[in-house]
Amino acid sequence: MPGKDKTYRLAPLAQVDLEDIWLYTLQKWSREQADTYHRELVAVFEGLAAGRKQGRAVDIRPHYLKYPTGAHMVYFQDHGDWLAIIRILHQKQDVSQNL
């Protein structure tokens, strides 16, 4: 019998990251592109929570995992029955200073 999917929660900084990514994409490209990328990011969160996607360990922070998507990396922690989405950082951002 399959287990129940985990839930996920966005940390306050991850929520800010998600909003900033949407606004940047809107300004740089279009509302349609911003909405599409937002949906893709949410699909990653859902896939991680459902176990369809697997994160890799982050070497600079114990108990943190990461998953690449588009130009960003999703950083999260697995708390057993739920995931904490900690940050969504652009690939050019300094992880050690922003995580």
PDB file of N, CA and C in Angstrom:
ATOM      1  N   MET A   1       0.845  -1.175   0.000  1.00  0.00           N
ATOM      2  CA  MET A   1       0.000   0.000   0.000  1.00  0.00           C
ATOM      3  C   MET A   1       0.890   1.238   0.000  1.00  0.00           C
ATOM      4  N   PRO A   2       0.702   2.150  -0.968  1.00  0.00           N
ATOM      5  CA  PRO A   2       1.536   3.336  -1.021  1.00  0.00           C
ATOM      6  C   PRO A   2       1.303   4.241   0.178  1.00  0.00           C
ATOM      7  N   GLY A   3       2.383   4.905   0.603  1.00  0.00           N
ATOM      8  CA  GLY A   3       2.281   5.825   1.732  1.00  0.00           C
ATOM      9  C   GLY A   3       1.670   7.153   1.311  1.00  0.00           C
ATOM     10  N   LYS A   4       1.271   7.897   2.284  1.00  0.00           N
ATOM     11  CA  LYS A   4       0.700   9.223   2.044  1.00  0.00           C
ATOM     12  C   LYS A   4       1.825  10.190   1.681  1.00  0.00           C
ATOM     13  N   ASP A   5       1.557  11.040   0.703  1.00  0.00           N
ATOM     14  CA  ASP A   5       2.549  12.046   0.332  1.00  0.00           C
ATOM     15  C   ASP A   5       2.825  12.973   1.511  1.00  0.00           C
ATOM     16  N   LYS A   6       4.055  13.421   1.565  1.00  0.00           N
ATOM     17  CA  LYS A   6       4.417  14.425   2.562  1.00  0.00           C
ATOM     18  C   LYS A   6       3.801  15.760   2.146  1.00  0.00           C
ATOM     19  N   THR A   7       3.754  16.662   3.076  1.00  0.00           N
ATOM     20  CA  THR A   7       3.394  18.035   2.745  1.00  0.00           C
ATOM     21  C   THR A   7       4.684  18.841   2.678  1.00  0.00           C
ATOM     22  N   TYR A   8       4.576  20.054   2.205  1.00  0.00           N
ATOM     23  CA  TYR A   8       5.738  20.947   2.228  1.00  0.00           C
ATOM     24  C   TYR A   8       5.285  22.309   2.730  1.00  0.00           C
ATOM     25  N   ARG A   9       6.231  23.018   3.312  1.00  0.00           N
ATOM     26  CA  ARG A   9       5.983  24.377   3.803  1.00  0.00           C
ATOM     27  C   ARG A   9       7.124  25.264   3.335  1.00  0.00           C
ATOM     28  N   LEU A  10       6.771  26.453   2.912  1.00  0.00           N
ATOM     29  CA  LEU A  10       7.792  27.418   2.514  1.00  0.00           C
ATOM     30  C   LEU A  10       8.229  28.223   3.731  1.00  0.00           C
ATOM     31  N   ALA A  11       9.534  28.251   3.973  1.00  0.00           N
ATOM     32  CA  ALA A  11      10.082  29.136   5.000  1.00  0.00           C
ATOM     33  C   ALA A  11       9.868  30.577   4.527  1.00  0.00           C
ATOM     34  N   PRO A  12       9.861  31.537   5.446  1.00  0.00           N
ATOM     35  CA  PRO A  12       9.646  32.935   5.037  1.00  0.00           C
ATOM     36  C   PRO A  12      10.587  33.403   3.921  1.00  0.00           C
ATOM     37  N   LEU A  13      11.867  33.052   3.991  1.00  0.00           N
ATOM     38  CA  LEU A  13      12.792  33.473   2.936  1.00  0.00           C
ATOM     39  C   LEU A  13      12.495  32.782   1.612  1.00  0.00           C
ATOM     40  N   ALA A  14      12.041  31.548   1.652  1.00  0.00           N
ATOM     41  CA  ALA A  14      11.664  30.850   0.421  1.00  0.00           C
ATOM     42  C   ALA A  14      10.444  31.510  -0.209  1.00  0.00           C
ATOM     43  N   GLN A  15       9.510  31.955   0.606  1.00  0.00           N
ATOM     44  CA  GLN A  15       8.332  32.669   0.093  1.00  0.00           C
ATOM     45  C   GLN A  15       8.762  33.964  -0.598  1.00  0.00           C
ATOM     46  N   VAL A  16       9.695  34.681   0.028  1.00  0.00           N
ATOM     47  CA  VAL A  16      10.225  35.907  -0.583  1.00  0.00           C
ATOM     48  C   VAL A  16      10.936  35.571  -1.890  1.00  0.00           C
ATOM     49  N   ASP A  17      11.750  34.506  -1.880  1.00  0.00           N
ATOM     50  CA  ASP A  17      12.441  34.080  -3.104  1.00  0.00           C
ATOM     51  C   ASP A  17      11.440  33.812  -4.221  1.00  0.00           C
ATOM     52  N   LEU A  18      10.383  33.074  -3.921  1.00  0.00           N
ATOM     53  CA  LEU A  18       9.378  32.709  -4.919  1.00  0.00           C
ATOM     54  C   LEU A  18       8.714  33.964  -5.498  1.00  0.00           C
ATOM     55  N   GLU A  19       8.373  34.898  -4.638  1.00  0.00           N
ATOM     56  CA  GLU A  19       7.766  36.156  -5.094  1.00  0.00           C
ATOM     57  C   GLU A  19       8.751  36.964  -5.942  1.00  0.00           C
ATOM     58  N   ASP A  20      10.008  37.036  -5.496  1.00  0.00           N
ATOM     59  CA  ASP A  20      11.024  37.786  -6.244  1.00  0.00           C
ATOM     60  C   ASP A  20      11.276  37.166  -7.614  1.00  0.00           C
ATOM     61  N   ILE A  21      11.301  35.848  -7.682  1.00  0.00           N
ATOM     62  CA  ILE A  21      11.496  35.153  -8.961  1.00  0.00           C
ATOM     63  C   ILE A  21      10.340  35.478  -9.900  1.00  0.00           C
ATOM     64  N   TRP A  22       9.116  35.451  -9.379  1.00  0.00           N
ATOM     65  CA  TRP A  22       7.951  35.759 -10.209  1.00  0.00           C
ATOM     66  C   TRP A  22       8.040  37.193 -10.731  1.00  0.00           C
ATOM     67  N   LEU A  23       8.352  38.148  -9.847  1.00  0.00           N
ATOM     68  CA  LEU A  23       8.436  39.555 -10.256  1.00  0.00           C
ATOM     69  C   LEU A  23       9.550  39.789 -11.276  1.00  0.00           C
ATOM     70  N   TYR A  24      10.703  39.183 -11.044  1.00  0.00           N
ATOM     71  CA  TYR A  24      11.817  39.329 -11.982  1.00  0.00           C
ATOM     72  C   TYR A  24      11.436  38.778 -13.353  1.00  0.00           C
ATOM     73  N   THR A  25      10.829  37.603 -13.365  1.00  0.00           N
ATOM     74  CA  THR A  25      10.437  36.972 -14.627  1.00  0.00           C
ATOM     75  C   THR A  25       9.376  37.807 -15.338  1.00  0.00           C
ATOM     76  N   LEU A  26       8.447  38.371 -14.590  1.00  0.00           N
ATOM     77  CA  LEU A  26       7.432  39.258 -15.166  1.00  0.00           C
ATOM     78  C   LEU A  26       8.091  40.457 -15.840  1.00  0.00           C
ATOM     79  N   GLN A  27       9.025  41.099 -15.134  1.00  0.00           N
ATOM     80  CA  GLN A  27       9.676  42.300 -15.665  1.00  0.00           C
ATOM     81  C   GLN A  27      10.592  41.988 -16.844  1.00  0.00           C
ATOM     82  N   LYS A  28      11.281  40.855 -16.769  1.00  0.00           N
ATOM     83  CA  LYS A  28      12.257  40.495 -17.806  1.00  0.00           C
ATOM     84  C   LYS A  28      11.584  39.894 -19.040  1.00  0.00           C
ATOM     85  N   TRP A  29      10.541  39.086 -18.838  1.00  0.00           N
ATOM     86  CA  TRP A  29       9.904  38.393 -19.953  1.00  0.00           C
ATOM     87  C   TRP A  29       8.417  38.730 -20.054  1.00  0.00           C
ATOM     88  N   SER A  30       7.575  38.053 -19.298  1.00  0.00           N
ATOM     89  CA  SER A  30       6.129  38.290 -19.413  1.00  0.00           C
ATOM     90  C   SER A  30       5.396  37.658 -18.236  1.00  0.00           C
ATOM     91  N   ARG A  31       4.128  38.043 -18.089  1.00  0.00           N
ATOM     92  CA  ARG A  31       3.286  37.450 -17.050  1.00  0.00           C
ATOM     93  C   ARG A  31       3.107  35.951 -17.311  1.00  0.00           C
ATOM     94  N   GLU A  32       2.921  35.595 -18.565  1.00  0.00           N
ATOM     95  CA  GLU A  32       2.750  34.181 -18.912  1.00  0.00           C
ATOM     96  C   GLU A  32       3.979  33.367 -18.498  1.00  0.00           C
ATOM     97  N   GLN A  33       5.160  33.884 -18.800  1.00  0.00           N
ATOM     98  CA  GLN A  33       6.388  33.177 -18.436  1.00  0.00           C
ATOM     99  C   GLN A  33       6.549  33.118 -16.920  1.00  0.00           C
ATOM    100  N   ALA A  34       6.208  34.210 -16.225  1.00  0.00           N
ATOM    101  CA  ALA A  34       6.302  34.230 -14.760  1.00  0.00           C
ATOM    102  C   ALA A  34       5.371  33.185 -14.154  1.00  0.00           C
ATOM    103  N   ASP A  35       4.143  33.117 -14.667  1.00  0.00           N
ATOM    104  CA  ASP A  35       3.183  32.129 -14.164  1.00  0.00           C
ATOM    105  C   ASP A  35       3.644  30.699 -14.462  1.00  0.00           C
ATOM    106  N   THR A  36       4.189  30.487 -15.659  1.00  0.00           N
ATOM    107  CA  THR A  36       4.670  29.154 -16.039  1.00  0.00           C
ATOM    108  C   THR A  36       5.809  28.710 -15.129  1.00  0.00           C
ATOM    109  N   TYR A  37       6.782  29.591 -14.897  1.00  0.00           N
ATOM    110  CA  TYR A  37       7.922  29.221 -14.056  1.00  0.00           C
ATOM    111  C   TYR A  37       7.477  28.999 -12.611  1.00  0.00           C
ATOM    112  N   HIS A  38       6.540  29.800 -12.144  1.00  0.00           N
ATOM    113  CA  HIS A  38       5.988  29.612 -10.795  1.00  0.00           C
ATOM    114  C   HIS A  38       5.355  28.225 -10.680  1.00  0.00           C
ATOM    115  N   ARG A  39       4.563  27.847 -11.683  1.00  0.00           N
ATOM    116  CA  ARG A  39       3.945  26.507 -11.669  1.00  0.00           C
ATOM    117  C   ARG A  39       5.010  25.410 -11.680  1.00  0.00           C
ATOM    118  N   GLU A  40       6.075  25.615 -12.448  1.00  0.00           N
ATOM    119  CA  GLU A  40       7.158  24.626 -12.496  1.00  0.00           C
ATOM    120  C   GLU A  40       7.830  24.483 -11.132  1.00  0.00           C
ATOM    121  N   LEU A  41       8.051  25.586 -10.453  1.00  0.00           N
ATOM    122  CA  LEU A  41       8.658  25.528  -9.121  1.00  0.00           C
ATOM    123  C   LEU A  41       7.740  24.808  -8.133  1.00  0.00           C
ATOM    124  N   VAL A  42       6.463  25.129  -8.160  1.00  0.00           N
ATOM    125  CA  VAL A  42       5.506  24.457  -7.271  1.00  0.00           C
ATOM    126  C   VAL A  42       5.454  22.964  -7.589  1.00  0.00           C
ATOM    127  N   ALA A  43       5.530  22.604  -8.871  1.00  0.00           N
ATOM    128  CA  ALA A  43       5.546  21.187  -9.255  1.00  0.00           C
ATOM    129  C   ALA A  43       6.777  20.481  -8.687  1.00  0.00           C
ATOM    130  N   VAL A  44       7.903  21.181  -8.610  1.00  0.00           N
ATOM    131  CA  VAL A  44       9.104  20.608  -7.992  1.00  0.00           C
ATOM    132  C   VAL A  44       8.857  20.366  -6.510  1.00  0.00           C
ATOM    133  N   PHE A  45       8.284  21.343  -5.808  1.00  0.00           N
ATOM    134  CA  PHE A  45       7.987  21.159  -4.378  1.00  0.00           C
ATOM    135  C   PHE A  45       7.081  19.943  -4.183  1.00  0.00           C
ATOM    136  N   GLU A  46       6.047  19.849  -5.013  1.00  0.00           N
ATOM    137  CA  GLU A  46       5.101  18.737  -4.904  1.00  0.00           C
ATOM    138  C   GLU A  46       5.768  17.405  -5.240  1.00  0.00           C
ATOM    139  N   GLY A  47       6.638  17.402  -6.252  1.00  0.00           N
ATOM    140  CA  GLY A  47       7.353  16.188  -6.624  1.00  0.00           C
ATOM    141  C   GLY A  47       8.308  15.723  -5.538  1.00  0.00           C
ATOM    142  N   LEU A  48       8.973  16.662  -4.897  1.00  0.00           N
ATOM    143  CA  LEU A  48       9.852  16.314  -3.777  1.00  0.00           C
ATOM    144  C   LEU A  48       9.034  15.739  -2.624  1.00  0.00           C
ATOM    145  N   ALA A  49       7.913  16.373  -2.326  1.00  0.00           N
ATOM    146  CA  ALA A  49       7.065  15.904  -1.224  1.00  0.00           C
ATOM    147  C   ALA A  49       6.478  14.527  -1.514  1.00  0.00           C
ATOM    148  N   ALA A  50       6.160  14.265  -2.780  1.00  0.00           N
ATOM    149  CA  ALA A  50       5.563  12.983  -3.160  1.00  0.00           C
ATOM    150  C   ALA A  50       6.601  11.881  -3.345  1.00  0.00           C
ATOM    151  N   GLY A  51       7.881  12.248  -3.349  1.00  0.00           N
ATOM    152  CA  GLY A  51       8.934  11.255  -3.532  1.00  0.00           C
ATOM    153  C   GLY A  51       9.241  10.962  -4.990  1.00  0.00           C
ATOM    154  N   ARG A  52       8.634  11.702  -5.920  1.00  0.00           N
ATOM    155  CA  ARG A  52       8.913  11.509  -7.347  1.00  0.00           C
ATOM    156  C   ARG A  52      10.232  12.157  -7.742  1.00  0.00           C
ATOM    157  N   LYS A  53      10.694  13.096  -6.946  1.00  0.00           N
ATOM    158  CA  LYS A  53      11.971  13.769  -7.169  1.00  0.00           C
ATOM    159  C   LYS A  53      12.804  13.603  -5.900  1.00  0.00           C
ATOM    160  N   GLN A  54      14.106  13.477  -6.081  1.00  0.00           N
ATOM    161  CA  GLN A  54      15.004  13.255  -4.944  1.00  0.00           C
ATOM    162  C   GLN A  54      16.067  14.346  -4.892  1.00  0.00           C
ATOM    163  N   GLY A  55      16.251  14.911  -3.714  1.00  0.00           N
ATOM    164  CA  GLY A  55      17.294  15.906  -3.530  1.00  0.00           C
ATOM    165  C   GLY A  55      18.628  15.246  -3.220  1.00  0.00           C
ATOM    166  N   ARG A  56      19.686  16.043  -3.351  1.00  0.00           N
ATOM    167  CA  ARG A  56      21.036  15.595  -2.992  1.00  0.00           C
ATOM    168  C   ARG A  56      21.500  16.378  -1.777  1.00  0.00           C
ATOM    169  N   ALA A  57      22.400  15.792  -1.030  1.00  0.00           N
ATOM    170  CA  ALA A  57      22.920  16.450   0.175  1.00  0.00           C
ATOM    171  C   ALA A  57      23.670  17.733  -0.188  1.00  0.00           C
ATOM    172  N   VAL A  58      23.569  18.712   0.686  1.00  0.00           N
ATOM    173  CA  VAL A  58      24.292  19.977   0.542  1.00  0.00           C
ATOM    174  C   VAL A  58      25.536  19.872   1.411  1.00  0.00           C
ATOM    175  N   ASP A  59      26.709  20.054   0.811  1.00  0.00           N
ATOM    176  CA  ASP A  59      27.945  19.829   1.564  1.00  0.00           C
ATOM    177  C   ASP A  59      28.264  20.924   2.580  1.00  0.00           C
ATOM    178  N   ILE A  60      27.684  22.105   2.448  1.00  0.00           N
ATOM    179  CA  ILE A  60      28.013  23.176   3.401  1.00  0.00           C
ATOM    180  C   ILE A  60      27.037  23.265   4.572  1.00  0.00           C
ATOM    181  N   ARG A  61      25.945  22.527   4.518  1.00  0.00           N
ATOM    182  CA  ARG A  61      24.955  22.541   5.599  1.00  0.00           C
ATOM    183  C   ARG A  61      24.475  21.123   5.876  1.00  0.00           C
ATOM    184  N   PRO A  62      24.706  20.617   7.084  1.00  0.00           N
ATOM    185  CA  PRO A  62      24.199  19.283   7.398  1.00  0.00           C
ATOM    186  C   PRO A  62      22.670  19.278   7.412  1.00  0.00           C
ATOM    187  N   HIS A  63      22.094  18.179   6.987  1.00  0.00           N
ATOM    188  CA  HIS A  63      20.645  17.948   6.982  1.00  0.00           C
ATOM    189  C   HIS A  63      19.901  18.810   5.970  1.00  0.00           C
ATOM    190  N   TYR A  64      20.610  19.429   5.044  1.00  0.00           N
ATOM    191  CA  TYR A  64      19.979  20.188   3.967  1.00  0.00           C
ATOM    192  C   TYR A  64      20.114  19.383   2.683  1.00  0.00           C
ATOM    193  N   LEU A  65      19.107  19.498   1.838  1.00  0.00           N
ATOM    194  CA  LEU A  65      19.111  18.852   0.534  1.00  0.00           C
ATOM    195  C   LEU A  65      18.886  19.919  -0.522  1.00  0.00           C
ATOM    196  N   LYS A  66      19.246  19.585  -1.770  1.00  0.00           N
ATOM    197  CA  LYS A  66      19.042  20.532  -2.863  1.00  0.00           C
ATOM    198  C   LYS A  66      18.505  19.804  -4.081  1.00  0.00           C
ATOM    199  N   TYR A  67      17.791  20.567  -4.908  1.00  0.00           N
ATOM    200  CA  TYR A  67      17.247  20.023  -6.150  1.00  0.00           C
ATOM    201  C   TYR A  67      17.275  21.136  -7.200  1.00  0.00           C
ATOM    202  N   PRO A  68      17.909  20.878  -8.368  1.00  0.00           N
ATOM    203  CA  PRO A  68      17.986  21.914  -9.402  1.00  0.00           C
ATOM    204  C   PRO A  68      16.696  22.004 -10.212  1.00  0.00           C
ATOM    205  N   THR A  69      16.344  23.215 -10.574  1.00  0.00           N
ATOM    206  CA  THR A  69      15.204  23.433 -11.468  1.00  0.00           C
ATOM    207  C   THR A  69      15.411  24.745 -12.210  1.00  0.00           C
ATOM    208  N   GLY A  70      15.362  24.705 -13.522  1.00  0.00           N
ATOM    209  CA  GLY A  70      15.589  25.909 -14.317  1.00  0.00           C
ATOM    210  C   GLY A  70      16.924  26.530 -13.952  1.00  0.00           C
ATOM    211  N   ALA A  71      16.921  27.826 -13.695  1.00  0.00           N
ATOM    212  CA  ALA A  71      18.137  28.552 -13.322  1.00  0.00           C
ATOM    213  C   ALA A  71      18.309  28.622 -11.812  1.00  0.00           C
ATOM    214  N   HIS A  72      17.539  27.830 -11.077  1.00  0.00           N
ATOM    215  CA  HIS A  72      17.538  27.908  -9.617  1.00  0.00           C
ATOM    216  C   HIS A  72      17.818  26.557  -8.965  1.00  0.00           C
ATOM    217  N   MET A  73      18.148  26.638  -7.693  1.00  0.00           N
ATOM    218  CA  MET A  73      18.331  25.455  -6.862  1.00  0.00           C
ATOM    219  C   MET A  73      17.388  25.600  -5.677  1.00  0.00           C
ATOM    220  N   VAL A  74      16.603  24.553  -5.437  1.00  0.00           N
ATOM    221  CA  VAL A  74      15.694  24.530  -4.292  1.00  0.00           C
ATOM    222  C   VAL A  74      16.437  23.867  -3.139  1.00  0.00           C
ATOM    223  N   TYR A  75      16.526  24.552  -2.010  1.00  0.00           N
ATOM    224  CA  TYR A  75      17.161  24.016  -0.806  1.00  0.00           C
ATOM    225  C   TYR A  75      16.069  23.696   0.200  1.00  0.00           C
ATOM    226  N   PHE A  76      16.144  22.494   0.769  1.00  0.00           N
ATOM    227  CA  PHE A  76      15.078  22.060   1.666  1.00  0.00           C
ATOM    228  C   PHE A  76      15.595  21.101   2.723  1.00  0.00           C
ATOM    229  N   GLN A  77      14.755  20.854   3.718  1.00  0.00           N
ATOM    230  CA  GLN A  77      15.030  19.871   4.763  1.00  0.00           C
ATOM    231  C   GLN A  77      13.865  18.893   4.812  1.00  0.00           C
ATOM    232  N   ASP A  78      14.192  17.633   5.048  1.00  0.00           N
ATOM    233  CA  ASP A  78      13.179  16.587   5.169  1.00  0.00           C
ATOM    234  C   ASP A  78      12.937  16.323   6.649  1.00  0.00           C
ATOM    235  N   HIS A  79      11.720  16.576   7.100  1.00  0.00           N
ATOM    236  CA  HIS A  79      11.347  16.394   8.501  1.00  0.00           C
ATOM    237  C   HIS A  79      10.462  15.164   8.689  1.00  0.00           C
ATOM    238  N   GLY A  80      10.653  14.156   7.851  1.00  0.00           N
ATOM    239  CA  GLY A  80       9.879  12.924   7.987  1.00  0.00           C
ATOM    240  C   GLY A  80       8.574  12.974   7.235  1.00  0.00           C
ATOM    241  N   ASP A  81       7.554  13.586   7.822  1.00  0.00           N
ATOM    242  CA  ASP A  81       6.258  13.631   7.146  1.00  0.00           C
ATOM    243  C   ASP A  81       6.007  14.965   6.439  1.00  0.00           C
ATOM    244  N   TRP A  82       6.991  15.865   6.459  1.00  0.00           N
ATOM    245  CA  TRP A  82       6.865  17.117   5.712  1.00  0.00           C
ATOM    246  C   TRP A  82       8.240  17.649   5.339  1.00  0.00           C
ATOM    247  N   LEU A  83       8.259  18.501   4.306  1.00  0.00           N
ATOM    248  CA  LEU A  83       9.488  19.142   3.853  1.00  0.00           C
ATOM    249  C   LEU A  83       9.431  20.629   4.159  1.00  0.00           C
ATOM    250  N   ALA A  84      10.557  21.168   4.565  1.00  0.00           N
ATOM    251  CA  ALA A  84      10.694  22.614   4.738  1.00  0.00           C
ATOM    252  C   ALA A  84      11.489  23.135   3.546  1.00  0.00           C
ATOM    253  N   ILE A  85      10.841  23.917   2.700  1.00  0.00           N
ATOM    254  CA  ILE A  85      11.534  24.561   1.588  1.00  0.00           C
ATOM    255  C   ILE A  85      12.203  25.801   2.179  1.00  0.00           C
ATOM    256  N   ILE A  86      13.528  25.789   2.243  1.00  0.00           N
ATOM    257  CA  ILE A  86      14.285  26.819   2.948  1.00  0.00           C
ATOM    258  C   ILE A  86      14.579  28.031   2.060  1.00  0.00           C
ATOM    259  N   ARG A  87      15.119  27.790   0.875  1.00  0.00           N
ATOM    260  CA  ARG A  87      15.460  28.870  -0.060  1.00  0.00           C
ATOM    261  C   ARG A  87      15.308  28.365  -1.481  1.00  0.00           C
ATOM    262  N   ILE A  88      15.145  29.309  -2.400  1.00  0.00           N
ATOM    263  CA  ILE A  88      15.158  29.044  -3.837  1.00  0.00           C
ATOM    264  C   ILE A  88      16.161  30.042  -4.403  1.00  0.00           C
ATOM    265  N   LEU A  89      17.367  29.586  -4.644  1.00  0.00           N
ATOM    266  CA  LEU A  89      18.458  30.489  -5.018  1.00  0.00           C
ATOM    267  C   LEU A  89      18.829  30.329  -6.486  1.00  0.00           C
ATOM    268  N   HIS A  90      19.136  31.453  -7.126  1.00  0.00           N
ATOM    269  CA  HIS A  90      19.614  31.427  -8.504  1.00  0.00           C
ATOM    270  C   HIS A  90      20.985  30.769  -8.518  1.00  0.00           C
ATOM    271  N   GLN A  91      21.298  30.113  -9.622  1.00  0.00           N
ATOM    272  CA  GLN A  91      22.570  29.393  -9.723  1.00  0.00           C
ATOM    273  C   GLN A  91      23.780  30.308  -9.553  1.00  0.00           C
ATOM    274  N   LYS A  92      23.625  31.613  -9.765  1.00  0.00           N
ATOM    275  CA  LYS A  92      24.746  32.544  -9.617  1.00  0.00           C
ATOM    276  C   LYS A  92      24.875  33.110  -8.203  1.00  0.00           C
ATOM    277  N   GLN A  93      23.906  32.837  -7.341  1.00  0.00           N
ATOM    278  CA  GLN A  93      23.979  33.348  -5.969  1.00  0.00           C
ATOM    279  C   GLN A  93      24.965  32.531  -5.140  1.00  0.00           C
ATOM    280  N   ASP A  94      25.624  33.196  -4.220  1.00  0.00           N
ATOM    281  CA  ASP A  94      26.565  32.547  -3.313  1.00  0.00           C
ATOM    282  C   ASP A  94      25.771  31.777  -2.254  1.00  0.00           C
ATOM    283  N   VAL A  95      25.834  30.470  -2.331  1.00  0.00           N
ATOM    284  CA  VAL A  95      25.049  29.619  -1.433  1.00  0.00           C
ATOM    285  C   VAL A  95      25.484  29.805   0.013  1.00  0.00           C
ATOM    286  N   SER A  96      26.784  29.855   0.261  1.00  0.00           N
ATOM    287  CA  SER A  96      27.263  29.947   1.642  1.00  0.00           C
ATOM    288  C   SER A  96      26.809  31.239   2.324  1.00  0.00           C
ATOM    289  N   GLN A  97      26.587  32.296   1.570  1.00  0.00           N
ATOM    290  CA  GLN A  97      26.128  33.558   2.157  1.00  0.00           C
ATOM    291  C   GLN A  97      24.609  33.659   2.226  1.00  0.00           C
ATOM    292  N   ASN A  98      23.903  32.880   1.422  1.00  0.00           N
ATOM    293  CA  ASN A  98      22.450  33.022   1.324  1.00  0.00           C
ATOM    294  C   ASN A  98      21.654  31.872   1.921  1.00  0.00           C
ATOM    295  N   LEU A  99      22.328  30.845   2.378  1.00  0.00           N
ATOM    296  CA  LEU A  99      21.598  29.691   2.913  1.00  0.00           C
ATOM    297  C   LEU A  99      21.618  29.691   4.429  1.00  0.00           C
TER     298      LEU A  99
END
